[in-house]
Amino acid sequence: MKKRILVADDNPLIRKMLCKIFSDHKALEICDEAVNGQEAVEKAERLRPDLIILDLAMPVLDGLRAAEAICKFMPDVPIILFTLHAQTLKDFDLKNSSIRRVVPKTEMISLVEHAEDLIRGAKLFSKIVGPFKALGLDI
């Protein structure tokens, strides 16, 4: 049985590209899509995915607040924050959130590898990818 991924991004093109990169994966599949953070929280509670990919800048509820809400009822589900807005993260302490990876949208090709790693059981916030290291977020 494939592991299920919920994708939340307000950009339909990004959602389509994410569905495409996971479409042929043998062990992972997109179970649903959300267009904002609130919808992501609602769908996560209903669908109980194995992994969640959240955009940071979404309407209604941003990715950080959505991750906090999801963590309340699914504390062990790994979350990847997938964003173009690296500069806005320097004020947040990601170590204490349910976010396990931060992947810039410019690194989309590596997203499958990060998803596989987290599904295999990486529990702690263990990797900041790409330009996030330059922000001093070296954990």
Protein backbone atom coordinates (compact mmCIF):
# COMPACT_ATOMS: atom_id res chain seq x y z
CA MET A 1 0.00 0.00 0.00
CA LYS A 2 1.35 3.42 -0.96
CA LYS A 3 2.01 6.10 1.66
CA ARG A 4 -0.33 9.05 1.23
CA ILE A 5 0.69 12.71 0.86
CA LEU A 6 -1.49 15.78 1.31
CA VAL A 7 -0.31 18.81 -0.69
CA ALA A 8 -1.32 22.36 0.26
CA ASP A 9 -0.43 25.31 -1.95
CA ASP A 10 -2.54 28.20 -3.21
CA ASN A 11 -0.86 28.07 -6.63
CA PRO A 12 -2.61 25.55 -8.91
CA LEU A 13 0.50 25.19 -11.09
CA ILE A 14 2.63 24.18 -8.07
CA ARG A 15 0.00 21.66 -6.98
CA LYS A 16 -0.10 20.22 -10.50
CA MET A 17 3.71 19.93 -10.62
CA LEU A 18 3.79 18.22 -7.22
CA CYS A 19 1.17 15.73 -8.34
CA LYS A 20 3.23 15.07 -11.46
CA ILE A 21 6.53 14.43 -9.66
CA PHE A 22 4.86 11.89 -7.35
CA SER A 23 2.58 10.33 -10.01
CA ASP A 24 4.94 7.48 -10.95
CA HIS A 25 6.35 6.83 -7.49
CA LYS A 26 6.11 3.22 -6.38
CA ALA A 27 5.60 3.93 -2.66
CA LEU A 28 4.14 7.46 -2.43
CA GLU A 29 0.99 9.05 -3.81
CA ILE A 30 -0.85 12.35 -3.49
CA CYS A 31 -4.11 11.61 -1.67
CA ASP A 32 -5.54 15.13 -1.97
CA GLU A 33 -4.80 18.81 -2.47
CA ALA A 34 -5.67 21.91 -0.43
CA VAL A 35 -5.73 25.51 -1.67
CA ASN A 36 -5.14 27.17 1.71
CA GLY A 37 -3.96 26.35 5.21
CA GLN A 38 -7.42 25.96 6.71
CA GLU A 39 -8.42 23.47 4.05
CA ALA A 40 -5.13 21.61 4.68
CA VAL A 41 -5.99 21.29 8.38
CA GLU A 42 -9.50 20.03 7.61
CA LYS A 43 -8.30 17.52 5.00
CA ALA A 44 -5.46 16.32 7.23
CA GLU A 45 -7.92 15.59 10.02
CA ARG A 46 -10.28 13.74 7.69
CA LEU A 47 -7.74 11.88 5.51
CA ARG A 48 -4.92 11.20 8.01
CA PRO A 49 -2.11 11.33 5.42
CA ASP A 50 1.34 9.86 6.09
CA LEU A 51 3.11 13.09 5.04
CA ILE A 52 2.05 16.69 4.43
CA ILE A 53 3.66 19.25 2.12
CA LEU A 54 2.68 22.82 3.03
CA ASP A 55 3.38 26.12 1.31
CA LEU A 56 4.36 28.89 3.72
CA ALA A 57 2.41 31.79 2.16
CA MET A 58 -1.20 30.69 1.74
CA PRO A 59 -4.46 32.55 2.25
CA VAL A 60 -6.78 32.01 5.22
CA LEU A 61 -4.10 30.22 7.30
CA ASP A 62 -0.37 30.21 6.49
CA GLY A 63 1.76 27.08 6.44
CA LEU A 64 3.28 27.62 9.88
CA ARG A 65 -0.10 28.07 11.55
CA ALA A 66 -1.52 25.12 9.61
CA ALA A 67 1.41 22.96 10.80
CA GLU A 68 0.75 24.01 14.41
CA ALA A 69 -2.95 23.12 14.08
CA ILE A 70 -2.22 19.76 12.42
CA CYS A 71 0.32 18.91 15.11
CA LYS A 72 -2.42 19.09 17.74
CA PHE A 73 -4.27 16.07 16.33
CA MET A 74 -1.46 14.39 14.33
CA PRO A 75 1.70 15.12 16.32
CA ASP A 76 3.80 12.48 14.56
CA VAL A 77 2.95 13.25 10.94
CA PRO A 78 6.01 14.66 9.16
CA ILE A 79 5.51 18.02 7.47
CA ILE A 80 7.62 19.57 4.74
CA LEU A 81 7.44 23.35 4.45
CA PHE A 82 7.82 24.06 0.73
CA THR A 83 8.35 27.77 0.13
CA LEU A 84 9.79 30.63 -1.89
CA HIS A 85 9.88 32.85 1.21
CA ALA A 86 13.09 31.82 2.94
CA GLN A 87 13.77 35.30 4.30
CA THR A 88 10.57 35.31 6.35
CA LEU A 89 11.58 32.20 8.31
CA LYS A 90 14.50 33.68 10.20
CA ASP A 91 12.19 34.97 12.93
CA PHE A 92 10.67 31.56 13.63
CA ASP A 93 12.01 28.66 15.65
CA LEU A 94 11.33 25.68 13.44
CA LYS A 95 12.94 23.25 15.91
CA ASN A 96 9.79 23.31 18.06
CA SER A 97 7.27 22.81 15.28
CA SER A 98 5.99 19.71 13.52
CA ILE A 99 7.86 20.80 10.40
CA ARG A 100 10.60 18.25 9.68
CA ARG A 101 12.05 19.74 6.51
CA VAL A 102 12.15 23.11 4.80
CA VAL A 103 12.58 22.83 1.05
CA PRO A 104 12.71 25.89 -1.22
CA LYS A 105 10.51 25.74 -4.28
CA THR A 106 13.66 26.23 -6.33
CA GLU A 107 14.70 22.75 -5.09
CA MET A 108 11.50 20.96 -6.17
CA ILE A 109 13.46 18.12 -7.74
CA SER A 110 14.76 17.12 -4.28
CA LEU A 111 11.28 16.99 -2.75
CA VAL A 112 10.76 13.30 -3.55
CA GLU A 113 14.02 12.41 -1.80
CA HIS A 114 12.99 14.36 1.30
CA ALA A 115 9.55 12.76 1.32
CA GLU A 116 11.10 9.29 1.08
CA ASP A 117 13.50 10.08 3.90
CA LEU A 118 10.72 11.25 6.21
CA ILE A 119 8.46 8.31 5.37
CA ARG A 120 11.36 6.00 6.26
CA GLY A 121 11.24 7.45 9.74
CA ALA A 122 13.29 10.61 10.17
CA LYS A 123 11.61 12.05 13.27
CA LEU A 124 13.52 15.20 14.15
CA PHE A 125 13.98 18.41 12.24
CA SER A 126 17.09 17.20 10.52
CA LYS A 127 17.65 19.11 7.34
CA ILE A 128 17.41 22.61 5.99
CA VAL A 129 17.87 22.63 2.27
CA GLY A 130 19.45 25.12 -0.08
CA PRO A 131 19.54 28.82 0.80
CA PHE A 132 18.09 28.28 4.27
CA LYS A 133 21.57 27.50 5.58
CA ALA A 134 22.54 31.08 4.76
CA LEU A 135 19.84 32.35 7.12
CA GLY A 136 21.59 30.99 10.18
CA LEU A 137 19.04 28.19 10.55
CA ASP A 138 21.72 25.55 10.85
CA ILE A 139 20.17 22.99 13.15
